[in-house]
């Protein structure tokens, strides 16, 4: 999973959420899918945080790092 791109992981996570929302999975399978989904969500969050760190370092104001602000 750690080699999945953000888009791949998000697509898999969306499929898991959809399957869980249907409510048709046996309990054991639903629990496994939930755990996989939790791991995918953590992976996506880490990728987003890493991207924000890169953007923060790229955005420089007066020679100092400036926090990334997506509203600008």
C-alpha atoms as a PDB file:
ATOM      1  CA  UNK A   1       0.000   0.000   0.000  1.00  0.00           C
ATOM      2  CA  UNK A   2       2.841   2.417   0.727  1.00  0.00           C
ATOM      3  CA  UNK A   3       3.709   2.512  -2.982  1.00  0.00           C
ATOM      4  CA  UNK A   4       0.176   3.401  -4.072  1.00  0.00           C
ATOM      5  CA  UNK A   5      -0.330   6.862  -5.450  1.00  0.00           C
ATOM      6  CA  UNK A   6      -2.822   9.133  -3.754  1.00  0.00           C
ATOM      7  CA  UNK A   7      -5.274   8.661  -6.616  1.00  0.00           C
ATOM      8  CA  UNK A   8      -5.011   4.855  -6.533  1.00  0.00           C
ATOM      9  CA  UNK A   9      -5.460   4.711  -2.780  1.00  0.00           C
ATOM     10  CA  UNK A  10      -8.397   7.118  -2.863  1.00  0.00           C
ATOM     11  CA  UNK A  11     -10.120   5.102  -5.600  1.00  0.00           C
ATOM     12  CA  UNK A  12      -9.718   1.892  -3.568  1.00  0.00           C
ATOM     13  CA  UNK A  13     -10.949   3.661  -0.429  1.00  0.00           C
ATOM     14  CA  UNK A  14     -14.039   4.924  -2.261  1.00  0.00           C
ATOM     15  CA  UNK A  15     -14.809   1.369  -3.454  1.00  0.00           C
ATOM     16  CA  UNK A  16     -14.513   0.066   0.121  1.00  0.00           C
ATOM     17  CA  UNK A  17     -16.787   2.789   1.477  1.00  0.00           C
ATOM     18  CA  UNK A  18     -19.349   1.992  -1.191  1.00  0.00           C
ATOM     19  CA  UNK A  19     -19.239  -1.735  -0.387  1.00  0.00           C
ATOM     20  CA  UNK A  20     -19.613  -1.040   3.334  1.00  0.00           C
ATOM     21  CA  UNK A  21     -22.504   1.358   2.757  1.00  0.00           C
ATOM     22  CA  UNK A  22     -24.370  -1.297   0.780  1.00  0.00           C
ATOM     23  CA  UNK A  23     -24.549  -3.341   3.971  1.00  0.00           C
ATOM     24  CA  UNK A  24     -24.465  -6.633   2.070  1.00  0.00           C
ATOM     25  CA  UNK A  25     -21.070  -7.881   3.230  1.00  0.00           C
ATOM     26  CA  UNK A  26     -20.735 -10.621   5.821  1.00  0.00           C
ATOM     27  CA  UNK A  27     -19.495  -9.232   9.138  1.00  0.00           C
ATOM     28  CA  UNK A  28     -16.015 -10.742   8.932  1.00  0.00           C
ATOM     29  CA  UNK A  29     -15.446  -9.359   5.433  1.00  0.00           C
ATOM     30  CA  UNK A  30     -16.839  -5.969   6.443  1.00  0.00           C
ATOM     31  CA  UNK A  31     -14.402  -5.790   9.370  1.00  0.00           C
ATOM     32  CA  UNK A  32     -11.473  -6.640   7.066  1.00  0.00           C
ATOM     33  CA  UNK A  33     -12.562  -4.028   4.535  1.00  0.00           C
ATOM     34  CA  UNK A  34     -12.978  -1.459   7.311  1.00  0.00           C
ATOM     35  CA  UNK A  35      -9.398  -2.089   8.499  1.00  0.00           C
ATOM     36  CA  UNK A  36      -8.078  -1.835   4.946  1.00  0.00           C
ATOM     37  CA  UNK A  37     -10.032   1.388   4.501  1.00  0.00           C
ATOM     38  CA  UNK A  38      -8.588   2.818   7.708  1.00  0.00           C
ATOM     39  CA  UNK A  39      -5.072   2.036   6.483  1.00  0.00           C
ATOM     40  CA  UNK A  40      -5.810   3.602   3.102  1.00  0.00           C
ATOM     41  CA  UNK A  41      -7.161   6.737   4.774  1.00  0.00           C
ATOM     42  CA  UNK A  42      -3.976   7.026   6.858  1.00  0.00           C
ATOM     43  CA  UNK A  43      -1.862   6.525   3.733  1.00  0.00           C
ATOM     44  CA  UNK A  44      -3.781   9.264   1.876  1.00  0.00           C
ATOM     45  CA  UNK A  45      -3.451  11.619   4.855  1.00  0.00           C
ATOM     46  CA  UNK A  46       0.314  11.063   4.994  1.00  0.00           C
ATOM     47  CA  UNK A  47       0.649  11.732   1.262  1.00  0.00           C
ATOM     48  CA  UNK A  48      -1.311  14.978   1.652  1.00  0.00           C
ATOM     49  CA  UNK A  49       0.822  16.047   4.617  1.00  0.00           C
ATOM     50  CA  UNK A  50       4.013  15.274   2.677  1.00  0.00           C
ATOM     51  CA  UNK A  51       2.768  17.316  -0.285  1.00  0.00           C
ATOM     52  CA  UNK A  52       1.945  20.235   2.018  1.00  0.00           C
ATOM     53  CA  UNK A  53       5.471  20.103   3.483  1.00  0.00           C
ATOM     54  CA  UNK A  54       6.966  20.279  -0.001  1.00  0.00           C
ATOM     55  CA  UNK A  55       4.741  23.200  -0.963  1.00  0.00           C
ATOM     56  CA  UNK A  56       5.575  25.003   2.275  1.00  0.00           C
ATOM     57  CA  UNK A  57       9.298  24.709   1.549  1.00  0.00           C
ATOM     58  CA  UNK A  58       8.808  25.964  -1.998  1.00  0.00           C
ATOM     59  CA  UNK A  59       6.826  29.012  -0.940  1.00  0.00           C
ATOM     60  CA  UNK A  60       9.427  31.377   0.428  1.00  0.00           C
ATOM     61  CA  UNK A  61       8.836  34.905   1.712  1.00  0.00           C
ATOM     62  CA  UNK A  62      11.820  37.153   2.516  1.00  0.00           C
ATOM     63  CA  UNK A  63      14.121  34.147   2.672  1.00  0.00           C
ATOM     64  CA  UNK A  64      11.971  32.362   5.265  1.00  0.00           C
ATOM     65  CA  UNK A  65       9.497  29.533   4.899  1.00  0.00           C
ATOM     66  CA  UNK A  66       5.924  30.676   4.587  1.00  0.00           C
ATOM     67  CA  UNK A  67       3.066  28.395   5.565  1.00  0.00           C
ATOM     68  CA  UNK A  68       1.111  27.018   2.642  1.00  0.00           C
ATOM     69  CA  UNK A  69      -2.270  28.717   2.412  1.00  0.00           C
ATOM     70  CA  UNK A  70      -4.612  27.202  -0.186  1.00  0.00           C
ATOM     71  CA  UNK A  71      -6.914  30.251  -0.115  1.00  0.00           C
ATOM     72  CA  UNK A  72      -4.452  32.600  -1.822  1.00  0.00           C
END
